[in-house]
Every structure is written in structure tokens, then in C-alpha cells.
Amino acid sequence: MGTIILLLVVVVAVITILAVLKAKSQGGGADEVWPFYAKKLLSQPEQILYFRLVQALPEHIVLAQVQLSRLLGVTKGNNYQAWFNRINRMSADFVVCNKDSSIVAVIELDDATHQKEDRQAADAKKDKALTSADIRIVRWQAKAIPDIATIQSTLMPHTKLQAKRY
């Protein structure tokens, strides 16, 4: 009988120690300092384009760095998780919306990294996902950020739903 009690005490002690270690490893300590710092949300070229978009489209909402999962839904009858996984961790540089939050276009600002093969494949996948939802994609080069007039003429008469490269 004494052996069973001793065994129970040892098991409870081990479980308690494991629970404490797990809590500490998951940031459970209230006094623990987490290793995060604030980053800038937009690069310098993205900041320039953002402020031009806002100035060019005052009657619209301009959102930056939006996850595709916030823009796209999966139609019923399809495997949600499998399709969601295809766009997981992808984001749109900018989303231009009407005041009712309906999407006018997604704007992508492509720098030199978009010339790499893996990046082109990711861009093609993003374009296909957005186009399948009838969301217009406009791609501009970071080395040639459009002026306000170009932004207005490109985005306001939005009739095509295909990805364009400028």
C-alpha cells in the first residue's frame, strides 16, 4: 500500500514539473520579457505608393498588407482547408475598396525580387486566386511608381479583371 502511495506522489510530482516547464516554454511566466520589437509595416517605396493611392482615390478606402485569407472565401462543396492552404501566408500589398468595403482592386508593388523564379511562381498563384474571385490585380514596378493621374486613370475605369503588369 505504501508503495502505491509513493508511486502516486512521484507521478503527481512529475506531472506538476512537466506542466510548469510547459507553461514557461509557452511564455506562461508573467515576468518573462518577450523578444519582439515594432517593425515598419511598409517599405519606403510602399509608403510612397500608399500616400499617392490615398491622394488619388479620396472616395475610397486604401488598406495595406492584407492577408489573402481576409479577401477570399472558399465556395461551399470544396475542401476549405486544402484551398485555404494554397493562399495561407500570402498578402496583398494594397487593397482599394469602395466605402462599403467592396473590393475595387488589389495593387502589387513589385521590386527586383519579383524577377526570381520562385517569386514569379508565388505571384502567379496569387494572381490566379484573386482572378478566380473576380478581383482585379494591378502590378506596378517599384522603380516606376505611378503618379496620381496614372493611378486614377488605371483604377477608376476598372473594366478588366485580369492581372496587368505596368
Protein backbone atom coordinates (compact mmCIF):
# COMPACT_ATOMS: atom_id res chain seq x y z
CA MET A 1 0.00 0.00 0.00
CA GLY A 2 2.88 2.35 0.90
CA THR A 3 4.47 1.66 -2.48
CA ILE A 4 1.31 2.68 -4.33
CA ILE A 5 1.10 5.96 -2.40
CA LEU A 6 4.80 6.66 -3.07
CA LEU A 7 4.27 5.90 -6.76
CA LEU A 8 1.25 8.24 -6.88
CA VAL A 9 3.24 11.03 -5.22
CA VAL A 10 6.07 10.59 -7.75
CA VAL A 11 3.62 10.60 -10.71
CA VAL A 12 1.87 13.77 -9.43
CA ALA A 13 5.25 15.46 -8.87
CA VAL A 14 6.43 14.60 -12.38
CA ILE A 15 3.16 15.84 -13.94
CA THR A 16 3.41 19.08 -11.94
CA ILE A 17 7.01 19.67 -13.02
CA LEU A 18 6.14 18.97 -16.67
CA ALA A 19 3.17 21.37 -16.52
CA VAL A 20 5.34 24.14 -15.05
CA LEU A 21 8.04 23.61 -17.69
CA LYS A 22 5.47 23.63 -20.49
CA ALA A 23 3.90 26.86 -19.20
CA LYS A 24 7.31 28.55 -19.03
CA SER A 25 8.23 27.43 -22.54
CA GLN A 26 4.98 28.91 -23.87
CA GLY A 27 5.52 32.29 -22.26
CA GLY A 28 3.45 31.48 -19.23
CA GLY A 29 5.65 33.50 -16.86
CA ALA A 30 4.10 36.89 -16.18
CA ASP A 31 7.52 38.47 -15.65
CA GLU A 32 9.07 36.98 -18.79
CA VAL A 33 10.28 39.50 -21.39
CA TRP A 34 9.17 38.60 -24.90
CA PRO A 35 11.72 39.21 -27.70
CA PHE A 36 9.57 41.32 -30.03
CA TYR A 37 10.13 44.78 -31.45
CA ALA A 38 7.97 47.02 -33.65
CA LYS A 39 8.74 46.94 -37.36
CA LYS A 40 7.72 49.36 -40.08
CA LEU A 41 4.71 47.97 -41.90
CA LEU A 42 5.65 49.45 -45.28
CA SER A 43 8.93 49.80 -47.13
CA GLN A 44 9.90 53.24 -48.43
CA PRO A 45 8.51 52.60 -51.97
CA GLU A 46 5.32 51.15 -50.45
CA GLN A 47 4.91 54.27 -48.31
CA ILE A 48 5.23 56.48 -51.39
CA LEU A 49 2.63 54.44 -53.28
CA TYR A 50 0.30 54.29 -50.28
CA PHE A 51 0.15 58.08 -49.93
CA ARG A 52 -0.32 58.50 -53.68
CA LEU A 53 -3.18 55.99 -53.63
CA VAL A 54 -4.84 57.83 -50.75
CA GLN A 55 -4.44 61.18 -52.52
CA ALA A 56 -5.57 59.84 -55.91
CA LEU A 57 -8.60 57.96 -54.52
CA PRO A 58 -10.09 60.11 -51.74
CA GLU A 59 -13.52 58.45 -52.03
CA HIS A 60 -12.03 55.00 -51.44
CA ILE A 61 -10.54 53.02 -48.59
CA VAL A 62 -6.90 52.00 -49.08
CA LEU A 63 -5.67 49.10 -46.96
CA ALA A 64 -2.07 47.90 -46.77
CA GLN A 65 -0.61 44.43 -46.26
CA VAL A 66 -3.87 42.47 -46.19
CA GLN A 67 -3.82 38.69 -45.91
CA LEU A 68 -5.49 36.96 -48.87
CA SER A 69 -7.48 34.90 -46.40
CA ARG A 70 -9.29 38.16 -45.46
CA LEU A 71 -10.16 38.79 -49.12
CA LEU A 72 -11.06 35.33 -50.36
CA GLY A 73 -13.58 32.74 -49.29
CA VAL A 74 -13.88 29.13 -50.42
CA THR A 75 -17.15 28.20 -52.12
CA LYS A 76 -19.26 25.54 -50.42
CA GLY A 77 -18.69 22.00 -51.54
CA ASN A 78 -14.90 22.43 -51.70
CA ASN A 79 -12.31 21.37 -49.17
CA TYR A 80 -11.89 24.64 -47.26
CA GLN A 81 -8.61 23.72 -45.57
CA ALA A 82 -6.96 22.44 -48.75
CA TRP A 83 -7.85 25.61 -50.68
CA PHE A 84 -7.05 27.88 -47.74
CA ASN A 85 -3.59 26.30 -47.52
CA ARG A 86 -2.87 27.41 -51.10
CA ILE A 87 -3.15 31.07 -50.10
CA ASN A 88 -2.02 30.82 -46.50
CA ARG A 89 0.68 33.37 -45.64
CA MET A 90 0.10 35.36 -48.84
CA SER A 91 -0.79 39.02 -48.64
CA ALA A 92 -1.78 41.85 -50.95
CA ASP A 93 0.39 44.96 -50.84
CA PHE A 94 -2.67 47.23 -51.12
CA VAL A 95 -6.40 46.72 -51.39
CA VAL A 96 -8.53 49.54 -52.76
CA CYS A 97 -12.14 49.38 -51.58
CA ASN A 98 -15.32 51.33 -52.07
CA LYS A 99 -16.80 52.92 -48.95
CA ASP A 100 -18.96 49.81 -48.45
CA SER A 101 -15.73 47.72 -48.24
CA SER A 102 -16.32 46.03 -51.60
CA ILE A 103 -13.02 45.47 -53.36
CA VAL A 104 -12.11 47.61 -56.36
CA ALA A 105 -8.62 46.21 -56.95
CA VAL A 106 -5.55 44.69 -55.39
CA ILE A 107 -2.35 46.61 -56.04
CA GLU A 108 1.00 44.85 -56.02
CA LEU A 109 4.27 46.78 -55.98
CA ASP A 110 6.94 44.57 -57.49
CA ASP A 111 10.61 45.13 -56.79
CA ALA A 112 13.63 43.29 -58.23
CA THR A 113 12.92 40.21 -56.10
CA HIS A 114 9.87 39.53 -58.26
CA GLN A 115 12.20 38.57 -61.11
CA LYS A 116 13.24 35.42 -59.25
CA GLU A 117 11.65 32.17 -60.39
CA ASP A 118 10.16 31.22 -57.01
CA ARG A 119 8.70 34.69 -56.56
CA GLN A 120 7.19 34.62 -60.06
CA ALA A 121 5.53 31.30 -59.22
CA ALA A 122 4.12 32.78 -56.00
CA ASP A 123 2.90 35.87 -57.90
CA ALA A 124 1.19 33.66 -60.50
CA LYS A 125 -0.52 31.69 -57.73
CA LYS A 126 -1.68 34.90 -56.04
CA ASP A 127 -2.94 36.31 -59.35
CA LYS A 128 -4.84 33.09 -60.09
CA ALA A 129 -6.51 33.09 -56.66
CA LEU A 130 -7.56 36.74 -56.93
CA THR A 131 -8.69 36.46 -60.56
CA SER A 132 -10.79 33.39 -59.71
CA ALA A 133 -12.70 35.61 -57.26
CA ASP A 134 -13.08 38.34 -59.91
CA ILE A 135 -10.73 40.66 -58.05
CA ARG A 136 -8.74 42.93 -60.32
CA ILE A 137 -4.95 42.87 -59.85
CA VAL A 138 -2.73 45.75 -60.88
CA ARG A 139 1.04 45.31 -60.69
CA TRP A 140 3.36 48.28 -60.73
CA GLN A 141 7.15 48.27 -60.63
CA ALA A 142 8.78 49.79 -57.55
CA LYS A 143 11.33 51.52 -59.77
CA ALA A 144 8.48 53.30 -61.63
CA ILE A 145 5.83 54.17 -59.05
CA PRO A 146 2.90 55.76 -60.89
CA ASP A 147 1.86 59.36 -60.38
CA ILE A 148 -1.59 60.37 -59.16
CA ALA A 149 -3.02 60.82 -62.67
CA THR A 150 -1.87 57.34 -63.71
CA ILE A 151 -3.35 55.82 -60.57
CA GLN A 152 -6.69 57.50 -61.25
CA SER A 153 -6.80 56.58 -64.93
CA THR A 154 -5.81 52.98 -64.20
CA LEU A 155 -8.14 52.29 -61.29
CA MET A 156 -11.25 54.30 -61.95
CA PRO A 157 -12.39 52.81 -65.28
CA HIS A 158 -11.91 49.26 -63.97
CA THR A 159 -13.43 47.01 -66.58
CA LYS A 160 -10.88 44.20 -66.93
CA LEU A 161 -10.39 41.58 -64.23
CA GLN A 162 -7.07 40.27 -65.44
CA ALA A 163 -3.69 40.88 -63.87
CA LYS A 164 -1.83 43.67 -65.63
CA ARG A 165 1.85 44.45 -65.43
CA TYR A 166 2.93 48.05 -65.90
